[in-house]
């Protein structure tokens, strides 16, 4: 089965160690690693820190190219920023590394999950793999403080295809939130001004 495997780390050095192990991974009949990237949330933007591509070592019967690049481009572009903004930073503020979350994450959209979870310097390893046994790659990641989730290629391809519409919808949500925040700020300013006026009057009398 062809999967996109995402492993989210709290400790950056552990993420790079796991990524190094992936780079040295020996291909097996049951597990073929095609591409991998390590990404980090910096100043609200998801940035690629390192990557490698083994696609050329496989025949065309194994993998369809282009998907990984499109996915990384979306995560690091306006859509990824919008997801983090609309989420308000609260979802990714504290990553709970309980293993029971693995299934929960896999049931949500990949782009949504990564964008929302990586908001405060967290790091993730994203790998494009053909695997018959998930335990092979899990053995690399599970040595560290991490959560692991998988999405099949067809699901991710559908997400990538619908990304422009999602971006437009999120832009409207972000605009609505900004308007609401400005209204609240003006309301708070008026409240503070009124409280100060009351205090001044009370002081004079």
N, C-alpha and C. Protein backbone atom coordinates (compact mmCIF):
# COMPACT_ATOMS: atom_id res chain seq x y z
N UNK A 1 0.85 -1.20 0.00
CA UNK A 1 0.00 0.00 0.00
C UNK A 1 0.88 1.24 0.00
N UNK A 2 0.54 2.23 -0.82
CA UNK A 2 1.30 3.47 -0.87
C UNK A 2 0.72 4.46 0.13
N UNK A 3 1.57 4.93 1.04
CA UNK A 3 1.13 5.82 2.11
C UNK A 3 2.01 7.06 2.20
N UNK A 4 1.42 8.11 2.74
CA UNK A 4 2.19 9.23 3.26
C UNK A 4 2.22 9.03 4.77
N UNK A 5 3.41 8.89 5.31
CA UNK A 5 3.58 8.67 6.75
C UNK A 5 4.07 9.97 7.38
N UNK A 6 3.39 10.42 8.42
CA UNK A 6 3.77 11.65 9.11
C UNK A 6 4.07 11.32 10.57
N UNK A 7 5.24 11.74 11.01
CA UNK A 7 5.63 11.54 12.41
C UNK A 7 5.94 12.92 13.00
N UNK A 8 5.18 13.31 14.02
CA UNK A 8 5.31 14.64 14.62
C UNK A 8 6.10 14.54 15.92
N UNK A 9 7.15 15.35 16.02
CA UNK A 9 8.06 15.31 17.17
C UNK A 9 7.96 16.58 18.00
N UNK A 10 8.18 16.44 19.28
CA UNK A 10 8.30 17.60 20.15
C UNK A 10 9.77 18.01 20.27
N UNK A 11 10.67 17.03 20.26
CA UNK A 11 12.11 17.30 20.41
C UNK A 11 12.75 17.33 19.03
N UNK A 12 13.26 18.47 18.64
CA UNK A 12 13.79 18.65 17.29
C UNK A 12 14.96 17.71 16.99
N UNK A 13 15.87 17.54 17.94
CA UNK A 13 17.03 16.68 17.70
C UNK A 13 16.62 15.24 17.43
N UNK A 14 15.54 14.80 18.07
CA UNK A 14 15.05 13.44 17.83
C UNK A 14 14.48 13.30 16.42
N UNK A 15 13.84 14.35 15.95
CA UNK A 15 13.30 14.32 14.59
C UNK A 15 14.42 14.19 13.57
N UNK A 16 15.50 14.94 13.77
CA UNK A 16 16.62 14.86 12.83
C UNK A 16 17.33 13.51 12.91
N UNK A 17 17.38 12.93 14.11
CA UNK A 17 17.98 11.61 14.24
C UNK A 17 17.16 10.57 13.49
N UNK A 18 15.84 10.63 13.65
CA UNK A 18 14.96 9.70 12.94
C UNK A 18 15.07 9.90 11.43
N UNK A 19 15.18 11.16 11.01
CA UNK A 19 15.31 11.45 9.58
C UNK A 19 16.61 10.88 9.03
N UNK A 20 17.68 10.98 9.83
CA UNK A 20 18.97 10.41 9.42
C UNK A 20 18.87 8.90 9.26
N UNK A 21 18.14 8.26 10.15
CA UNK A 21 17.95 6.81 10.05
C UNK A 21 17.15 6.45 8.81
N UNK A 22 16.16 7.27 8.48
CA UNK A 22 15.39 7.04 7.25
C UNK A 22 16.29 7.14 6.02
N UNK A 23 17.18 8.12 6.03
CA UNK A 23 18.07 8.32 4.89
C UNK A 23 18.96 7.10 4.66
N UNK A 24 19.29 6.43 5.76
CA UNK A 24 20.16 5.26 5.67
C UNK A 24 19.37 3.95 5.56
N UNK A 25 18.06 4.07 5.47
CA UNK A 25 17.21 2.89 5.46
C UNK A 25 17.50 2.02 4.24
N UNK A 26 17.66 0.72 4.48
CA UNK A 26 17.87 -0.21 3.39
C UNK A 26 16.54 -0.70 2.86
N UNK A 27 16.29 -0.48 1.58
CA UNK A 27 15.01 -0.88 1.00
C UNK A 27 14.80 -2.39 1.14
N UNK A 28 13.56 -2.77 1.42
CA UNK A 28 13.22 -4.19 1.51
C UNK A 28 12.07 -4.48 0.55
N UNK A 29 11.78 -5.74 0.37
CA UNK A 29 10.70 -6.12 -0.52
C UNK A 29 9.36 -5.62 0.00
N UNK A 30 9.22 -5.54 1.32
CA UNK A 30 7.94 -5.14 1.91
C UNK A 30 7.84 -3.64 2.18
N UNK A 31 8.97 -2.94 2.21
CA UNK A 31 8.97 -1.50 2.51
C UNK A 31 9.91 -0.77 1.58
N UNK A 32 9.34 0.10 0.76
CA UNK A 32 10.14 0.88 -0.19
C UNK A 32 9.91 2.36 0.09
N UNK A 33 10.97 3.04 0.50
CA UNK A 33 10.91 4.46 0.84
C UNK A 33 11.30 5.29 -0.38
N UNK A 34 10.38 6.12 -0.85
CA UNK A 34 10.62 6.89 -2.08
C UNK A 34 11.12 8.30 -1.81
N UNK A 35 10.48 9.00 -0.88
CA UNK A 35 10.84 10.39 -0.59
C UNK A 35 10.60 10.67 0.89
N UNK A 36 11.34 11.62 1.42
CA UNK A 36 11.11 12.04 2.80
C UNK A 36 11.56 13.49 2.98
N UNK A 37 10.86 14.21 3.82
CA UNK A 37 11.20 15.59 4.15
C UNK A 37 11.04 15.79 5.65
N UNK A 38 11.84 16.67 6.19
CA UNK A 38 11.67 17.07 7.58
C UNK A 38 11.29 18.55 7.57
N UNK A 39 10.18 18.87 8.22
CA UNK A 39 9.65 20.23 8.19
C UNK A 39 9.49 20.76 9.61
N UNK A 40 9.57 22.08 9.73
CA UNK A 40 9.46 22.72 11.04
C UNK A 40 8.62 23.99 10.92
N UNK A 41 7.82 24.23 11.95
CA UNK A 41 7.02 25.46 12.00
C UNK A 41 7.89 26.58 12.57
N UNK A 42 8.11 27.62 11.78
CA UNK A 42 8.90 28.76 12.21
C UNK A 42 8.15 30.04 11.88
N UNK A 43 7.83 30.81 12.90
CA UNK A 43 7.11 32.08 12.72
C UNK A 43 5.81 31.88 11.95
N UNK A 44 5.11 30.79 12.26
CA UNK A 44 3.82 30.55 11.64
C UNK A 44 3.88 29.96 10.24
N UNK A 45 5.08 29.65 9.76
CA UNK A 45 5.25 29.09 8.42
C UNK A 45 5.95 27.74 8.51
N UNK A 46 5.44 26.76 7.78
CA UNK A 46 6.05 25.44 7.77
C UNK A 46 7.15 25.42 6.72
N UNK A 47 8.38 25.19 7.17
CA UNK A 47 9.54 25.25 6.27
C UNK A 47 10.23 23.89 6.18
N UNK A 48 10.71 23.56 4.99
CA UNK A 48 11.45 22.32 4.79
C UNK A 48 12.88 22.53 5.27
N UNK A 49 13.34 21.68 6.18
CA UNK A 49 14.70 21.77 6.71
C UNK A 49 15.66 20.85 5.96
N UNK A 50 15.14 19.73 5.47
CA UNK A 50 15.98 18.79 4.71
C UNK A 50 15.05 17.81 4.00
N UNK A 51 15.55 17.19 2.95
CA UNK A 51 14.75 16.21 2.23
C UNK A 51 15.65 15.33 1.37
N UNK A 52 15.12 14.20 0.96
CA UNK A 52 15.82 13.36 -0.01
C UNK A 52 14.80 12.65 -0.88
N UNK A 53 15.26 12.24 -2.05
CA UNK A 53 14.38 11.66 -3.07
C UNK A 53 15.04 10.43 -3.68
N UNK A 54 14.39 9.28 -3.53
CA UNK A 54 14.90 8.03 -4.08
C UNK A 54 14.03 7.52 -5.23
N UNK A 55 13.17 8.39 -5.75
CA UNK A 55 12.21 7.98 -6.78
C UNK A 55 12.90 7.38 -8.00
N UNK A 56 14.05 7.95 -8.37
CA UNK A 56 14.73 7.48 -9.58
C UNK A 56 15.25 6.06 -9.47
N UNK A 57 15.36 5.57 -8.24
CA UNK A 57 15.87 4.21 -8.05
C UNK A 57 14.79 3.16 -8.24
N UNK A 58 13.54 3.62 -8.43
CA UNK A 58 12.43 2.69 -8.63
C UNK A 58 11.91 2.81 -10.05
N UNK A 59 11.28 1.78 -10.50
CA UNK A 59 10.63 1.82 -11.80
C UNK A 59 9.33 2.60 -11.73
N UNK A 60 8.79 2.95 -12.86
CA UNK A 60 7.55 3.72 -12.91
C UNK A 60 6.35 2.95 -12.37
N UNK A 61 6.52 1.63 -12.20
CA UNK A 61 5.41 0.82 -11.70
C UNK A 61 5.18 1.01 -10.21
N UNK A 62 6.15 1.63 -9.52
CA UNK A 62 6.06 1.72 -8.07
C UNK A 62 5.35 2.98 -7.58
N UNK A 63 5.79 4.13 -8.04
CA UNK A 63 5.27 5.38 -7.47
C UNK A 63 4.87 6.37 -8.55
N UNK A 64 3.92 7.21 -8.20
CA UNK A 64 3.56 8.33 -9.06
C UNK A 64 4.24 9.58 -8.51
N UNK A 65 5.04 10.22 -9.34
CA UNK A 65 5.79 11.38 -8.88
C UNK A 65 4.94 12.63 -8.79
N UNK A 66 5.47 13.65 -8.09
CA UNK A 66 4.82 14.95 -8.04
C UNK A 66 3.96 15.21 -6.83
N UNK A 67 3.40 14.17 -6.23
CA UNK A 67 2.47 14.37 -5.12
C UNK A 67 3.17 14.94 -3.89
N UNK A 68 4.33 14.39 -3.55
CA UNK A 68 5.05 14.84 -2.37
C UNK A 68 5.43 16.31 -2.49
N UNK A 69 5.92 16.70 -3.67
CA UNK A 69 6.30 18.09 -3.87
C UNK A 69 5.11 19.02 -3.76
N UNK A 70 3.98 18.60 -4.31
CA UNK A 70 2.76 19.42 -4.22
C UNK A 70 2.31 19.57 -2.78
N UNK A 71 2.37 18.48 -2.03
CA UNK A 71 1.95 18.49 -0.63
C UNK A 71 2.82 19.44 0.20
N UNK A 72 4.14 19.32 0.05
CA UNK A 72 5.05 20.18 0.79
C UNK A 72 4.84 21.64 0.41
N UNK A 73 4.60 21.88 -0.88
CA UNK A 73 4.36 23.25 -1.34
C UNK A 73 3.11 23.85 -0.71
N UNK A 74 2.08 23.04 -0.57
CA UNK A 74 0.83 23.51 0.05
C UNK A 74 1.04 23.82 1.52
N UNK A 75 1.72 22.91 2.22
CA UNK A 75 1.95 23.10 3.66
C UNK A 75 2.76 24.36 3.94
N UNK A 76 3.73 24.65 3.07
CA UNK A 76 4.58 25.81 3.28
C UNK A 76 4.05 27.09 2.66
N UNK A 77 2.90 26.99 1.98
CA UNK A 77 2.34 28.14 1.30
C UNK A 77 1.22 28.80 2.08
N UNK A 78 0.44 29.64 1.40
CA UNK A 78 -0.65 30.38 2.08
C UNK A 78 -1.66 29.49 2.79
N UNK A 79 -1.94 28.31 2.22
CA UNK A 79 -2.93 27.44 2.84
C UNK A 79 -2.47 26.97 4.21
N UNK A 80 -1.21 26.58 4.32
CA UNK A 80 -0.69 26.14 5.61
C UNK A 80 -0.74 27.25 6.64
N UNK A 81 -0.42 28.47 6.20
CA UNK A 81 -0.48 29.63 7.11
C UNK A 81 -1.91 29.88 7.56
N UNK A 82 -2.85 29.80 6.63
CA UNK A 82 -4.26 30.04 6.96
C UNK A 82 -4.79 29.02 7.95
N UNK A 83 -4.41 27.75 7.76
CA UNK A 83 -4.85 26.72 8.71
C UNK A 83 -4.38 27.06 10.12
N UNK A 84 -3.11 27.44 10.24
CA UNK A 84 -2.58 27.78 11.55
C UNK A 84 -3.25 28.99 12.15
N UNK A 85 -3.56 29.98 11.30
CA UNK A 85 -4.20 31.21 11.79
C UNK A 85 -5.63 30.95 12.25
N UNK A 86 -6.39 30.25 11.43
CA UNK A 86 -7.79 29.99 11.77
C UNK A 86 -7.89 29.13 13.02
N UNK A 87 -6.91 28.21 13.19
CA UNK A 87 -6.91 27.37 14.38
C UNK A 87 -6.57 28.17 15.63
N UNK A 88 -6.00 29.35 15.42
CA UNK A 88 -5.72 30.24 16.54
C UNK A 88 -4.53 29.80 17.37
N UNK A 89 -3.77 28.82 16.89
CA UNK A 89 -2.60 28.37 17.61
C UNK A 89 -2.91 27.51 18.80
N UNK A 90 -4.19 27.32 19.11
CA UNK A 90 -4.53 26.58 20.32
C UNK A 90 -4.39 25.08 20.14
N UNK A 91 -4.67 24.60 18.95
CA UNK A 91 -4.62 23.16 18.73
C UNK A 91 -3.19 22.66 18.81
N UNK A 92 -2.27 23.43 18.25
CA UNK A 92 -0.89 22.97 18.23
C UNK A 92 -0.08 23.44 19.41
N UNK A 93 -0.71 24.14 20.34
CA UNK A 93 0.04 24.72 21.45
C UNK A 93 0.71 23.66 22.30
N UNK A 94 0.11 22.52 22.41
CA UNK A 94 0.69 21.45 23.22
C UNK A 94 0.37 20.12 22.59
N UNK A 95 1.39 19.45 22.09
CA UNK A 95 1.18 18.16 21.44
C UNK A 95 1.12 17.06 22.49
N UNK A 96 0.02 16.39 22.56
CA UNK A 96 -0.12 15.25 23.44
C UNK A 96 0.41 14.04 22.69
N UNK A 97 1.44 13.41 23.23
CA UNK A 97 2.09 12.32 22.52
C UNK A 97 1.52 10.96 22.89
N UNK A 98 0.30 10.93 23.35
CA UNK A 98 -0.37 9.67 23.64
C UNK A 98 -0.55 8.90 22.34
N UNK A 99 -0.14 7.64 22.33
CA UNK A 99 -0.21 6.83 21.12
C UNK A 99 -1.63 6.63 20.63
N UNK A 100 -2.62 6.81 21.50
CA UNK A 100 -4.00 6.63 21.08
C UNK A 100 -4.42 7.70 20.07
N UNK A 101 -3.63 8.77 19.98
CA UNK A 101 -3.96 9.83 19.03
C UNK A 101 -3.64 9.44 17.60
N UNK A 102 -2.81 8.42 17.40
CA UNK A 102 -2.39 8.05 16.05
C UNK A 102 -3.59 7.82 15.14
N UNK A 103 -4.53 7.02 15.60
CA UNK A 103 -5.71 6.70 14.78
C UNK A 103 -6.57 7.93 14.59
N UNK A 104 -6.71 8.73 15.65
CA UNK A 104 -7.53 9.95 15.57
C UNK A 104 -6.98 10.90 14.51
N UNK A 105 -5.66 11.05 14.48
CA UNK A 105 -5.04 11.94 13.50
C UNK A 105 -5.24 11.43 12.09
N UNK A 106 -5.10 10.12 11.92
CA UNK A 106 -5.23 9.53 10.59
C UNK A 106 -6.64 9.69 10.03
N UNK A 107 -7.62 9.88 10.91
CA UNK A 107 -8.99 10.04 10.45
C UNK A 107 -9.30 11.48 10.05
N UNK A 108 -8.38 12.40 10.33
CA UNK A 108 -8.55 13.78 9.89
C UNK A 108 -7.71 13.99 8.63
N UNK A 109 -7.88 15.15 7.99
CA UNK A 109 -7.14 15.42 6.76
C UNK A 109 -5.67 15.68 7.06
N UNK A 110 -4.79 15.20 6.19
CA UNK A 110 -3.36 15.36 6.41
C UNK A 110 -2.97 16.83 6.47
N UNK A 111 -3.39 17.60 5.48
CA UNK A 111 -3.01 19.01 5.42
C UNK A 111 -3.50 19.76 6.66
N UNK A 112 -4.72 19.47 7.08
CA UNK A 112 -5.27 20.10 8.28
C UNK A 112 -4.45 19.72 9.50
N UNK A 113 -4.18 18.43 9.65
CA UNK A 113 -3.46 17.93 10.83
C UNK A 113 -2.08 18.55 10.96
N UNK A 114 -1.30 18.49 9.90
CA UNK A 114 0.07 19.00 9.96
C UNK A 114 0.08 20.51 10.18
N UNK A 115 -0.78 21.24 9.49
CA UNK A 115 -0.82 22.69 9.63
C UNK A 115 -1.23 23.12 11.03
N UNK A 116 -2.16 22.40 11.63
CA UNK A 116 -2.65 22.77 12.96
C UNK A 116 -1.71 22.31 14.07
N UNK A 117 -1.06 21.18 13.89
CA UNK A 117 -0.20 20.66 14.94
C UNK A 117 1.15 21.35 14.98
N UNK A 118 1.64 21.80 13.83
CA UNK A 118 2.94 22.44 13.78
C UNK A 118 2.78 23.96 13.84
N UNK A 119 2.67 24.49 15.05
CA UNK A 119 2.46 25.93 15.20
C UNK A 119 3.46 26.59 16.13
N UNK A 120 4.17 25.83 16.93
CA UNK A 120 5.05 26.43 17.93
C UNK A 120 6.45 25.81 17.91
N UNK A 121 7.00 25.65 16.71
CA UNK A 121 8.35 25.11 16.61
C UNK A 121 8.42 23.60 16.53
N UNK A 122 7.26 22.94 16.47
CA UNK A 122 7.28 21.49 16.36
C UNK A 122 7.85 21.07 15.01
N UNK A 123 8.33 19.84 14.97
CA UNK A 123 8.99 19.30 13.78
C UNK A 123 8.28 18.02 13.36
N UNK A 124 8.19 17.80 12.05
CA UNK A 124 7.57 16.57 11.56
C UNK A 124 8.42 15.98 10.44
N UNK A 125 8.43 14.66 10.38
CA UNK A 125 9.04 13.94 9.26
C UNK A 125 7.89 13.41 8.40
N UNK A 126 7.94 13.70 7.11
CA UNK A 126 6.91 13.26 6.17
C UNK A 126 7.56 12.35 5.15
N UNK A 127 7.05 11.13 5.03
CA UNK A 127 7.66 10.15 4.13
C UNK A 127 6.64 9.57 3.17
N UNK A 128 7.07 9.35 1.95
CA UNK A 128 6.27 8.74 0.89
C UNK A 128 6.78 7.31 0.75
N UNK A 129 5.94 6.34 1.07
CA UNK A 129 6.43 4.96 1.18
C UNK A 129 5.43 3.96 0.62
N UNK A 130 5.95 2.89 0.10
CA UNK A 130 5.12 1.74 -0.26
C UNK A 130 5.44 0.66 0.76
N UNK A 131 4.44 0.23 1.51
CA UNK A 131 4.71 -0.70 2.61
C UNK A 131 3.62 -1.75 2.74
N UNK A 132 4.07 -2.93 3.08
CA UNK A 132 3.15 -4.02 3.38
C UNK A 132 3.05 -4.25 4.88
N UNK A 133 4.04 -3.73 5.61
CA UNK A 133 4.11 -3.92 7.06
C UNK A 133 4.47 -2.59 7.72
N UNK A 134 3.52 -1.99 8.41
CA UNK A 134 3.74 -0.67 9.01
C UNK A 134 4.78 -0.70 10.13
N UNK A 135 4.99 -1.84 10.73
CA UNK A 135 5.90 -1.92 11.88
C UNK A 135 7.35 -1.63 11.50
N UNK A 136 7.70 -1.76 10.22
CA UNK A 136 9.08 -1.53 9.79
C UNK A 136 9.49 -0.08 10.04
N UNK A 137 8.72 0.86 9.52
CA UNK A 137 9.04 2.28 9.75
C UNK A 137 8.68 2.72 11.16
N UNK A 138 7.64 2.13 11.72
CA UNK A 138 7.27 2.47 13.10
C UNK A 138 8.43 2.20 14.06
N UNK A 139 9.21 1.17 13.76
CA UNK A 139 10.34 0.82 14.62
C UNK A 139 11.36 1.94 14.68
N UNK A 140 11.46 2.72 13.61
CA UNK A 140 12.38 3.86 13.60
C UNK A 140 11.82 5.01 14.44
N UNK A 141 10.55 5.31 14.24
CA UNK A 141 9.95 6.47 14.90
C UNK A 141 9.63 6.24 16.38
N UNK A 142 9.22 5.03 16.73
CA UNK A 142 8.72 4.78 18.08
C UNK A 142 9.79 4.80 19.15
N UNK A 143 11.04 4.94 18.76
CA UNK A 143 12.12 5.08 19.74
C UNK A 143 12.11 6.47 20.37
N UNK A 144 11.36 7.37 19.77
CA UNK A 144 11.36 8.76 20.20
C UNK A 144 9.97 9.21 20.66
N UNK A 145 9.92 10.44 21.22
CA UNK A 145 8.63 11.01 21.63
C UNK A 145 7.93 11.53 20.37
N UNK A 146 7.02 10.76 19.87
CA UNK A 146 6.39 11.13 18.61
C UNK A 146 5.02 10.50 18.48
N UNK A 147 4.21 11.07 17.61
CA UNK A 147 2.96 10.43 17.20
C UNK A 147 3.07 10.16 15.71
N UNK A 148 2.48 9.06 15.27
CA UNK A 148 2.60 8.63 13.88
C UNK A 148 1.21 8.49 13.27
N UNK A 149 1.06 8.98 12.06
CA UNK A 149 -0.21 8.83 11.36
C UNK A 149 0.07 8.54 9.89
N UNK A 150 -0.86 7.83 9.26
CA UNK A 150 -0.71 7.45 7.85
C UNK A 150 -1.95 7.85 7.06
N UNK A 151 -1.72 8.23 5.81
CA UNK A 151 -2.80 8.50 4.87
C UNK A 151 -2.47 7.80 3.56
N UNK A 152 -3.44 7.16 2.96
CA UNK A 152 -3.17 6.52 1.68
C UNK A 152 -3.06 7.58 0.59
N UNK A 153 -2.35 7.24 -0.46
CA UNK A 153 -2.03 8.20 -1.51
C UNK A 153 -3.27 8.80 -2.15
N UNK A 154 -4.28 7.99 -2.39
CA UNK A 154 -5.50 8.49 -3.04
C UNK A 154 -6.16 9.59 -2.21
N UNK A 155 -6.18 9.41 -0.90
CA UNK A 155 -6.77 10.41 -0.01
C UNK A 155 -6.01 11.72 -0.06
N UNK A 156 -4.67 11.62 -0.01
CA UNK A 156 -3.84 12.82 -0.04
C UNK A 156 -3.95 13.52 -1.40
N UNK A 157 -4.00 12.74 -2.47
CA UNK A 157 -4.14 13.32 -3.81
C UNK A 157 -5.44 14.12 -3.92
N UNK A 158 -6.50 13.61 -3.31
CA UNK A 158 -7.79 14.32 -3.32
C UNK A 158 -7.68 15.62 -2.53
N UNK A 159 -6.96 15.59 -1.41
CA UNK A 159 -6.75 16.80 -0.61
C UNK A 159 -6.01 17.86 -1.42
N UNK A 160 -4.95 17.42 -2.09
CA UNK A 160 -4.14 18.35 -2.88
C UNK A 160 -4.98 18.98 -3.98
N UNK A 161 -5.82 18.17 -4.60
CA UNK A 161 -6.67 18.66 -5.69
C UNK A 161 -7.68 19.70 -5.20
N UNK A 162 -8.18 19.51 -3.98
CA UNK A 162 -9.19 20.43 -3.45
C UNK A 162 -8.58 21.60 -2.69
N UNK A 163 -7.26 21.67 -2.61
CA UNK A 163 -6.58 22.71 -1.83
C UNK A 163 -6.97 24.13 -2.23
N UNK A 164 -7.08 24.47 -3.53
CA UNK A 164 -7.44 25.85 -3.88
C UNK A 164 -8.78 26.29 -3.29
N UNK A 165 -9.77 25.42 -3.32
CA UNK A 165 -11.07 25.77 -2.76
C UNK A 165 -11.00 25.91 -1.25
N UNK A 166 -10.24 25.00 -0.61
CA UNK A 166 -10.07 25.07 0.84
C UNK A 166 -9.40 26.39 1.21
N UNK A 167 -8.38 26.78 0.44
CA UNK A 167 -7.67 28.03 0.71
C UNK A 167 -8.62 29.22 0.63
N UNK A 168 -9.48 29.22 -0.36
CA UNK A 168 -10.44 30.31 -0.51
C UNK A 168 -11.40 30.37 0.68
N UNK A 169 -11.89 29.21 1.10
CA UNK A 169 -12.81 29.16 2.24
C UNK A 169 -12.13 29.65 3.52
N UNK A 170 -10.89 29.21 3.73
CA UNK A 170 -10.17 29.62 4.93
C UNK A 170 -9.85 31.11 4.92
N UNK A 171 -9.59 31.65 3.74
CA UNK A 171 -9.32 33.08 3.64
C UNK A 171 -10.54 33.88 4.11
N UNK A 172 -11.72 33.42 3.75
CA UNK A 172 -12.95 34.09 4.20
C UNK A 172 -13.08 33.98 5.73
N UNK A 173 -12.76 32.79 6.27
CA UNK A 173 -12.82 32.61 7.72
C UNK A 173 -11.82 33.53 8.43
N UNK A 174 -10.61 33.62 7.87
CA UNK A 174 -9.58 34.46 8.47
C UNK A 174 -10.00 35.93 8.45
N UNK A 175 -10.59 36.36 7.33
CA UNK A 175 -11.05 37.74 7.22
C UNK A 175 -12.13 38.04 8.25
N UNK A 176 -13.07 37.09 8.41
CA UNK A 176 -14.14 37.27 9.39
C UNK A 176 -13.58 37.35 10.80
N UNK A 177 -12.56 36.54 11.07
CA UNK A 177 -11.97 36.57 12.40
C UNK A 177 -11.25 37.89 12.66
N UNK A 178 -10.54 38.40 11.65
CA UNK A 178 -9.85 39.67 11.81
C UNK A 178 -10.84 40.80 12.09
N UNK A 179 -11.95 40.80 11.38
CA UNK A 179 -12.98 41.82 11.60
C UNK A 179 -13.53 41.73 13.02
N UNK A 180 -13.79 40.49 13.47
CA UNK A 180 -14.30 40.28 14.82
C UNK A 180 -13.29 40.73 15.87
N UNK A 181 -12.00 40.44 15.63
CA UNK A 181 -10.95 40.84 16.57
C UNK A 181 -10.85 42.36 16.66
N UNK A 182 -10.98 43.04 15.51
CA UNK A 182 -10.91 44.51 15.51
C UNK A 182 -12.09 45.11 16.27
N UNK A 183 -13.26 44.53 16.08
CA UNK A 183 -14.45 45.01 16.80
C UNK A 183 -14.26 44.85 18.29
N UNK A 184 -13.73 43.70 18.69
CA UNK A 184 -13.51 43.43 20.11
C UNK A 184 -12.48 44.39 20.69
N UNK A 185 -11.43 44.68 19.89
CA UNK A 185 -10.39 45.60 20.35
C UNK A 185 -10.96 47.00 20.56
N UNK A 186 -11.81 47.45 19.61
CA UNK A 186 -12.44 48.77 19.75
C UNK A 186 -13.37 48.81 20.96
N UNK A 187 -14.09 47.72 21.18
CA UNK A 187 -15.00 47.63 22.32
C UNK A 187 -14.22 47.71 23.62
N UNK A 188 -13.09 47.02 23.67
CA UNK A 188 -12.26 47.02 24.88
C UNK A 188 -11.68 48.41 25.12
N UNK A 189 -11.27 49.09 24.03
CA UNK A 189 -10.72 50.44 24.16
C UNK A 189 -11.76 51.40 24.71
N UNK A 190 -13.00 51.29 24.21
CA UNK A 190 -14.08 52.15 24.71
C UNK A 190 -14.36 51.86 26.18
N UNK A 191 -14.31 50.58 26.56
CA UNK A 191 -14.56 50.20 27.95
C UNK A 191 -13.49 50.79 28.87
N UNK A 192 -12.24 50.73 28.44
CA UNK A 192 -11.14 51.27 29.24
C UNK A 192 -11.26 52.80 29.37
N UNK A 193 -11.66 53.44 28.27
CA UNK A 193 -11.83 54.90 28.29
C UNK A 193 -12.95 55.30 29.24
N UNK A 194 -14.04 54.54 29.24
CA UNK A 194 -15.18 54.82 30.11
C UNK A 194 -14.80 54.60 31.57
N UNK A 195 -14.07 53.53 31.84
CA UNK A 195 -13.64 53.24 33.21
C UNK A 195 -12.72 54.35 33.73
N UNK A 196 -11.85 54.85 32.86
CA UNK A 196 -10.95 55.92 33.26
C UNK A 196 -11.74 57.19 33.56
N UNK A 197 -12.75 57.48 32.73
CA UNK A 197 -13.58 58.66 32.95
C UNK A 197 -14.32 58.56 34.28
N UNK A 198 -14.86 57.38 34.58
CA UNK A 198 -15.56 57.18 35.86
C UNK A 198 -14.61 57.40 37.03
N UNK A 199 -13.40 56.90 36.89
CA UNK A 199 -12.42 57.05 37.97
C UNK A 199 -12.05 58.51 38.18
N UNK A 200 -11.92 59.26 37.08
CA UNK A 200 -11.57 60.69 37.17
C UNK A 200 -12.69 61.47 37.86
N UNK A 201 -13.94 61.17 37.50
CA UNK A 201 -15.09 61.85 38.10
C UNK A 201 -15.17 61.54 39.59
N UNK A 202 -14.97 60.27 39.93
CA UNK A 202 -15.03 59.86 41.33
C UNK A 202 -13.95 60.55 42.14
N UNK A 203 -12.80 60.74 41.53
CA UNK A 203 -11.68 61.37 42.22
C UNK A 203 -11.97 62.85 42.52
N UNK A 204 -12.68 63.50 41.59
CA UNK A 204 -12.97 64.92 41.75
C UNK A 204 -14.06 65.17 42.79
N UNK A 205 -14.95 64.21 42.97
CA UNK A 205 -16.05 64.40 43.91
C UNK A 205 -15.86 63.58 45.17
